[in-house]
């Protein structure tokens, strides 16, 4: 975990942030998330984690000899969606001045604007509270704690001064449910990769004589398998669920692209038992007797058409 501190500004997103940065909010309904959504999220995570690791390694903070582990439970995060001036207790003497609000965030929906001054939260005054032991305004901490403590679905009340007028606003605070995270860096992670591996490959040309066509590996166990231009994907031994798209040439089909690209046709899943030292070649098998049936992708199935023993490390 990392603690982010800015001496002059306080962003009131009540959240413990993972060191590799903010990620897109996880869909509350897993069934609504498509393989494309999952792939995009994992790609962003990989890129941001890679950038962070490069910075840490360059500074000498991490290396292959040490092991660092992060194990964070799932949590609910409240985000008020505004930035206030917390540079000093004196500047917060008459309340917390709003410097900016997040478009579409809770504060904006409540009617708070940049330039407003927050004078109370849930009927507790934010004025003349002084500074804490570190010199930071107590008003900022009270606001932070009050937002964090709002139960899911409950309302937050703010007293707002705008020009010479003081008024109250209230409404529910936006919540994000952050999933649990486990991350291992360094020696222990290296040791875990030495137990063997297998591969899924989309390289080569499956034989058309056997009604086999190219396939695209979209996800493995609901996660992006690797770079989008890769043709071979390393997996740990065990059972994996592949999400697969077909690459059948249009001349083999008797219906249009609109039907072909319907959501129910785009992807299918295939369970594969991966053994160490084996490469499994993935293909889309055309079902000749169903080339006119677009509904539910009846015209094709994902298959492993070849297995080859080769080293994996």
Protein backbone atom coordinates (compact mmCIF):
# COMPACT_ATOMS: atom_id res chain seq x y z
CA UNK A 1 0.00 0.00 0.00
CA UNK A 2 1.08 3.53 -0.56
CA UNK A 3 -0.02 6.71 1.13
CA UNK A 4 -0.42 9.68 -1.19
CA UNK A 5 0.10 13.13 0.38
CA UNK A 6 -0.35 16.53 -1.25
CA UNK A 7 0.54 19.48 1.03
CA UNK A 8 -1.87 21.99 -0.48
CA UNK A 9 -4.78 19.98 -1.83
CA UNK A 10 -6.96 17.18 -0.50
CA UNK A 11 -8.87 14.99 -2.93
CA UNK A 12 -11.85 13.61 -1.08
CA UNK A 13 -11.93 10.17 -2.60
CA UNK A 14 -12.12 8.06 0.53
CA UNK A 15 -10.02 5.13 -0.63
CA UNK A 16 -6.84 3.26 0.13
CA UNK A 17 -5.18 3.26 -3.31
CA UNK A 18 -3.02 0.41 -4.58
CA UNK A 19 0.47 1.50 -5.50
CA UNK A 20 -0.03 0.87 -9.21
CA UNK A 21 -2.79 3.48 -9.50
CA UNK A 22 -6.51 3.78 -10.02
CA UNK A 23 -8.31 1.27 -12.23
CA UNK A 24 -11.70 1.33 -13.89
CA UNK A 25 -14.53 0.51 -11.52
CA UNK A 26 -15.35 -3.18 -11.51
CA UNK A 27 -18.77 -4.00 -12.87
CA UNK A 28 -21.21 -4.80 -10.07
CA UNK A 29 -22.87 -7.47 -12.21
CA UNK A 30 -20.23 -9.90 -13.44
CA UNK A 31 -22.67 -11.35 -15.97
CA UNK A 32 -22.87 -7.94 -17.68
CA UNK A 33 -19.11 -7.71 -18.27
CA UNK A 34 -18.08 -8.90 -21.73
CA UNK A 35 -14.74 -10.53 -22.56
CA UNK A 36 -13.76 -7.26 -24.30
CA UNK A 37 -14.41 -5.32 -21.06
CA UNK A 38 -12.34 -7.78 -19.05
CA UNK A 39 -9.52 -7.71 -21.58
CA UNK A 40 -9.37 -3.91 -21.62
CA UNK A 41 -9.29 -3.73 -17.82
CA UNK A 42 -6.52 -6.30 -17.53
CA UNK A 43 -4.48 -4.61 -20.26
CA UNK A 44 -4.64 -1.31 -18.38
CA UNK A 45 -3.65 -3.05 -15.16
CA UNK A 46 -0.67 -4.70 -16.85
CA UNK A 47 0.51 -1.41 -18.37
CA UNK A 48 0.22 0.57 -15.15
CA UNK A 49 1.81 -2.20 -13.07
CA UNK A 50 4.67 -2.49 -15.57
CA UNK A 51 5.31 1.28 -15.38
CA UNK A 52 5.27 1.21 -11.58
CA UNK A 53 7.64 -1.78 -11.40
CA UNK A 54 10.05 -0.04 -13.76
CA UNK A 55 10.12 3.03 -11.51
CA UNK A 56 10.59 0.94 -8.36
CA UNK A 57 13.34 -1.19 -9.91
CA UNK A 58 15.18 1.88 -11.23
CA UNK A 59 15.16 3.39 -7.75
CA UNK A 60 16.43 0.16 -6.16
CA UNK A 61 13.26 -0.34 -4.13
CA UNK A 62 12.63 -3.83 -5.58
CA UNK A 63 14.83 -6.60 -6.97
CA UNK A 64 14.78 -10.36 -7.60
CA UNK A 65 16.28 -11.22 -4.21
CA UNK A 66 13.55 -9.68 -2.07
CA UNK A 67 9.92 -10.64 -1.83
CA UNK A 68 7.14 -8.10 -1.44
CA UNK A 69 3.55 -9.16 -0.94
CA UNK A 70 0.32 -7.16 -1.05
CA UNK A 71 -2.84 -8.81 0.26
CA UNK A 72 -5.83 -6.47 0.39
CA UNK A 73 -9.39 -7.55 1.21
CA UNK A 74 -12.39 -6.44 -0.82
CA UNK A 75 -13.77 -3.11 0.33
CA UNK A 76 -16.41 -0.49 -0.36
CA UNK A 77 -15.12 2.97 -1.30
CA UNK A 78 -17.10 6.22 -1.01
CA UNK A 79 -16.16 9.01 -3.41
CA UNK A 80 -17.48 12.53 -2.88
CA UNK A 81 -15.82 13.67 -6.10
CA UNK A 82 -14.36 17.03 -5.17
CA UNK A 83 -11.09 18.81 -4.39
CA UNK A 84 -10.82 21.18 -1.41
CA UNK A 85 -8.14 23.55 -0.18
CA UNK A 86 -6.50 21.95 2.86
CA UNK A 87 -3.22 23.85 2.73
CA UNK A 88 -3.55 25.22 6.28
CA UNK A 89 -5.89 25.47 9.25
CA UNK A 90 -6.03 29.23 8.72
CA UNK A 91 -7.31 28.86 5.15
CA UNK A 92 -9.90 26.36 6.44
CA UNK A 93 -10.93 28.62 9.34
CA UNK A 94 -14.31 29.52 7.82
CA UNK A 95 -14.82 26.17 6.06
CA UNK A 96 -13.27 24.18 3.23
CA UNK A 97 -13.13 25.95 -0.11
CA UNK A 98 -14.04 23.74 -3.08
CA UNK A 99 -11.39 24.02 -5.79
CA UNK A 100 -12.97 21.61 -8.29
CA UNK A 101 -15.65 18.95 -8.63
CA UNK A 102 -15.54 15.74 -10.65
CA UNK A 103 -17.98 15.87 -13.61
CA UNK A 104 -20.83 13.48 -12.88
CA UNK A 105 -19.60 12.85 -9.32
CA UNK A 106 -21.56 12.99 -6.09
CA UNK A 107 -20.67 16.61 -5.28
CA UNK A 108 -21.73 17.85 -8.71
CA UNK A 109 -25.01 15.92 -8.50
CA UNK A 110 -25.69 17.56 -5.14
CA UNK A 111 -25.20 20.98 -6.73
CA UNK A 112 -21.78 21.82 -5.26
CA UNK A 113 -19.60 24.06 -7.47
CA UNK A 114 -16.01 25.18 -7.56
CA UNK A 115 -15.63 28.24 -5.34
CA UNK A 116 -18.24 27.09 -2.82
CA UNK A 117 -17.25 26.77 0.84
CA UNK A 118 -18.29 23.71 2.80
CA UNK A 119 -19.30 24.82 6.30
CA UNK A 120 -20.81 21.61 7.71
CA UNK A 121 -21.14 17.89 7.09
CA UNK A 122 -24.01 15.85 8.56
CA UNK A 123 -24.84 18.79 10.88
CA UNK A 124 -21.26 18.97 12.22
CA UNK A 125 -19.50 22.31 11.72
CA UNK A 126 -16.40 22.50 9.53
CA UNK A 127 -15.47 26.01 10.72
CA UNK A 128 -12.90 27.10 13.30
CA UNK A 129 -11.69 23.56 14.05
CA UNK A 130 -7.98 24.40 14.03
CA UNK A 131 -5.14 22.03 13.10
CA UNK A 132 -4.18 18.51 14.13
CA UNK A 133 -0.75 17.47 15.45
CA UNK A 134 0.70 17.41 11.93
CA UNK A 135 -0.57 20.91 11.17
CA UNK A 136 -3.33 19.79 8.80
CA UNK A 137 -6.80 21.33 9.19
CA UNK A 138 -9.12 19.18 11.31
CA UNK A 139 -12.01 20.19 9.04
CA UNK A 140 -10.51 18.18 6.18
CA UNK A 141 -10.17 15.08 8.36
CA UNK A 142 -13.74 15.45 9.64
CA UNK A 143 -15.07 15.68 6.09
CA UNK A 144 -13.01 12.67 5.03
CA UNK A 145 -14.19 10.58 7.98
CA UNK A 146 -17.82 11.60 7.52
CA UNK A 147 -17.85 10.62 3.84
CA UNK A 148 -16.11 7.32 4.56
CA UNK A 149 -18.65 6.44 7.28
CA UNK A 150 -21.77 6.84 5.12
CA UNK A 151 -23.46 3.41 4.80
CA UNK A 152 -24.19 2.10 1.33
CA UNK A 153 -27.21 3.93 -0.09
CA UNK A 154 -27.49 6.47 2.75
CA UNK A 155 -27.41 10.23 2.22
CA UNK A 156 -24.70 12.75 3.09
CA UNK A 157 -25.71 16.28 4.13
CA UNK A 158 -23.50 19.28 3.39
CA UNK A 159 -23.82 22.90 4.45
CA UNK A 160 -22.66 25.14 1.57
CA UNK A 161 -21.88 28.86 1.47
CA UNK A 162 -21.98 30.50 -1.94
CA UNK A 163 -21.33 34.22 -2.05
CA UNK A 164 -23.48 35.59 0.81
CA UNK A 165 -25.94 32.69 0.92
CA UNK A 166 -25.74 29.51 3.01
CA UNK A 167 -27.85 26.48 2.11
CA UNK A 168 -28.00 22.71 2.62
CA UNK A 169 -27.73 19.90 0.09
CA UNK A 170 -28.01 16.16 0.62
CA UNK A 171 -28.02 12.92 -1.32
CA UNK A 172 -26.49 9.44 -1.56
CA UNK A 173 -22.73 9.12 -1.97
CA UNK A 174 -21.38 7.19 -4.94
CA UNK A 175 -19.83 3.89 -3.85
CA UNK A 176 -17.46 1.56 -5.68
CA UNK A 177 -16.88 -2.02 -4.54
CA UNK A 178 -13.16 -2.71 -4.97
CA UNK A 179 -12.29 -6.43 -5.33
CA UNK A 180 -9.67 -8.19 -3.23
CA UNK A 181 -6.07 -8.01 -4.47
CA UNK A 182 -3.13 -10.36 -3.94
CA UNK A 183 0.22 -9.47 -5.50
CA UNK A 184 3.64 -11.09 -5.10
CA UNK A 185 6.80 -9.37 -6.32
CA UNK A 186 10.36 -10.71 -6.44
CA UNK A 187 11.90 -14.01 -5.39
CA UNK A 188 8.70 -15.79 -4.36
CA UNK A 189 7.00 -14.89 -7.64
CA UNK A 190 9.99 -16.24 -9.58
CA UNK A 191 9.91 -19.50 -7.63
CA UNK A 192 6.22 -19.92 -8.39
CA UNK A 193 6.93 -19.88 -12.14
CA UNK A 194 9.44 -22.77 -11.91
CA UNK A 195 6.82 -25.47 -11.37
CA UNK A 196 6.27 -25.88 -15.12
CA UNK A 197 3.86 -24.46 -17.63
CA UNK A 198 1.99 -25.16 -20.83
CA UNK A 199 0.89 -22.99 -23.74
CA UNK A 200 -2.14 -22.21 -25.83
CA UNK A 201 -1.24 -21.30 -29.42
CA UNK A 202 -3.17 -19.73 -32.28
CA UNK A 203 -0.13 -19.88 -34.57
CA UNK A 204 -0.25 -21.64 -37.93
CA UNK A 205 -3.02 -22.58 -40.34
CA UNK A 206 -5.50 -25.22 -39.17
CA UNK A 207 -6.33 -27.60 -42.05
CA UNK A 208 -9.41 -26.48 -44.03
CA UNK A 209 -9.79 -30.08 -45.18
CA UNK A 210 -10.88 -30.86 -41.63
CA UNK A 211 -13.19 -27.82 -41.47
CA UNK A 212 -10.74 -26.07 -39.14
CA UNK A 213 -10.18 -22.31 -39.23
CA UNK A 214 -8.29 -19.63 -37.34
CA UNK A 215 -9.48 -18.74 -33.86
CA UNK A 216 -8.83 -15.79 -31.56
CA UNK A 217 -8.07 -16.29 -27.87
CA UNK A 218 -10.04 -13.52 -26.16
CA UNK A 219 -9.62 -14.42 -22.48
CA UNK A 220 -8.32 -17.13 -20.15
CA UNK A 221 -10.32 -17.65 -16.96
CA UNK A 222 -12.02 -14.32 -17.62
CA UNK A 223 -8.74 -12.40 -17.96
CA UNK A 224 -6.76 -10.99 -20.86
CA UNK A 225 -4.27 -13.71 -21.92
CA UNK A 226 -1.47 -11.40 -23.06
CA UNK A 227 -0.54 -8.84 -25.75
CA UNK A 228 -3.12 -8.57 -28.53
CA UNK A 229 -0.58 -9.46 -31.24
CA UNK A 230 0.73 -12.57 -29.44
CA UNK A 231 0.20 -16.05 -30.93
CA UNK A 232 1.31 -18.14 -27.94
CA UNK A 233 0.12 -17.80 -24.36
CA UNK A 234 1.79 -19.32 -21.30
CA UNK A 235 -0.48 -20.95 -18.69
CA UNK A 236 0.07 -22.69 -15.38
CA UNK A 237 -0.79 -26.40 -15.31
CA UNK A 238 -4.41 -27.19 -14.52
CA UNK A 239 -7.89 -26.60 -15.89
CA UNK A 240 -8.50 -23.31 -17.70
CA UNK A 241 -11.58 -21.83 -19.35
CA UNK A 242 -10.79 -20.23 -22.70
CA UNK A 243 -13.03 -17.56 -24.24
CA UNK A 244 -12.66 -17.90 -28.00
CA UNK A 245 -13.73 -15.98 -31.10
CA UNK A 246 -13.86 -17.49 -34.59
CA UNK A 247 -11.89 -16.34 -37.64
CA UNK A 248 -13.78 -18.30 -40.29
CA UNK A 249 -13.56 -16.76 -43.75
CA UNK A 250 -16.86 -15.24 -44.88
CA UNK A 251 -16.96 -17.33 -48.08
CA UNK A 252 -17.61 -20.42 -45.98
CA UNK A 253 -20.78 -18.94 -44.44
CA UNK A 254 -24.22 -18.24 -45.92
CA UNK A 255 -25.35 -15.33 -43.73
CA UNK A 256 -24.31 -11.69 -43.39
CA UNK A 257 -21.80 -10.05 -41.04
CA UNK A 258 -24.53 -8.47 -38.94
CA UNK A 259 -25.85 -11.87 -37.90
CA UNK A 260 -22.36 -13.22 -37.52
CA UNK A 261 -21.34 -10.45 -35.15
CA UNK A 262 -24.44 -10.69 -32.97
CA UNK A 263 -23.51 -10.84 -29.29
CA UNK A 264 -24.66 -14.46 -28.94
CA UNK A 265 -22.34 -15.55 -31.77
CA UNK A 266 -19.17 -13.67 -30.97
CA UNK A 267 -17.60 -15.86 -28.30
CA UNK A 268 -17.71 -19.42 -27.01
CA UNK A 269 -15.90 -21.09 -24.13
CA UNK A 270 -13.70 -24.16 -24.09
CA UNK A 271 -12.36 -26.02 -21.03
CA UNK A 272 -8.75 -27.21 -21.43
CA UNK A 273 -6.65 -29.30 -19.04
CA UNK A 274 -3.12 -27.88 -19.44
CA UNK A 275 -0.18 -30.15 -18.68
CA UNK A 276 3.42 -28.97 -18.15
CA UNK A 277 5.55 -29.00 -21.28
CA UNK A 278 2.61 -29.16 -23.70
CA UNK A 279 1.40 -26.67 -26.32
CA UNK A 280 -2.25 -26.79 -27.34
CA UNK A 281 -3.23 -25.39 -30.74
CA UNK A 282 -6.57 -23.63 -30.84
CA UNK A 283 -8.94 -23.48 -33.83
CA UNK A 284 -12.54 -22.79 -34.80
CA UNK A 285 -14.26 -25.84 -36.24
CA UNK A 286 -16.91 -25.11 -38.87
CA UNK A 287 -19.96 -27.34 -38.62
CA UNK A 288 -20.79 -27.95 -42.32
CA UNK A 289 -24.34 -29.09 -41.64
CA UNK A 290 -25.07 -25.80 -39.83
CA UNK A 291 -23.44 -23.18 -42.07
CA UNK A 292 -26.85 -21.52 -42.50
CA UNK A 293 -27.54 -21.32 -38.76
CA UNK A 294 -26.33 -18.06 -37.28
CA UNK A 295 -28.41 -18.26 -34.10
CA UNK A 296 -26.31 -18.88 -30.98
CA UNK A 297 -23.25 -19.52 -33.16
CA UNK A 298 -24.44 -23.02 -34.09
CA UNK A 299 -22.18 -22.96 -37.15
CA UNK A 300 -18.91 -23.27 -35.20
CA UNK A 301 -17.21 -24.59 -32.06
CA UNK A 302 -13.82 -23.92 -30.46
CA UNK A 303 -11.51 -26.94 -30.45
CA UNK A 304 -7.93 -27.98 -29.68
CA UNK A 305 -6.84 -29.49 -32.97
CA UNK A 306 -3.23 -30.36 -32.16
CA UNK A 307 -1.06 -31.00 -29.09
CA UNK A 308 2.73 -30.77 -29.19
CA UNK A 309 5.25 -31.61 -26.45
CA UNK A 310 7.74 -28.74 -26.09
CA UNK A 311 9.56 -27.00 -23.26
CA UNK A 312 7.91 -24.11 -21.46
CA UNK A 313 9.60 -21.75 -18.99
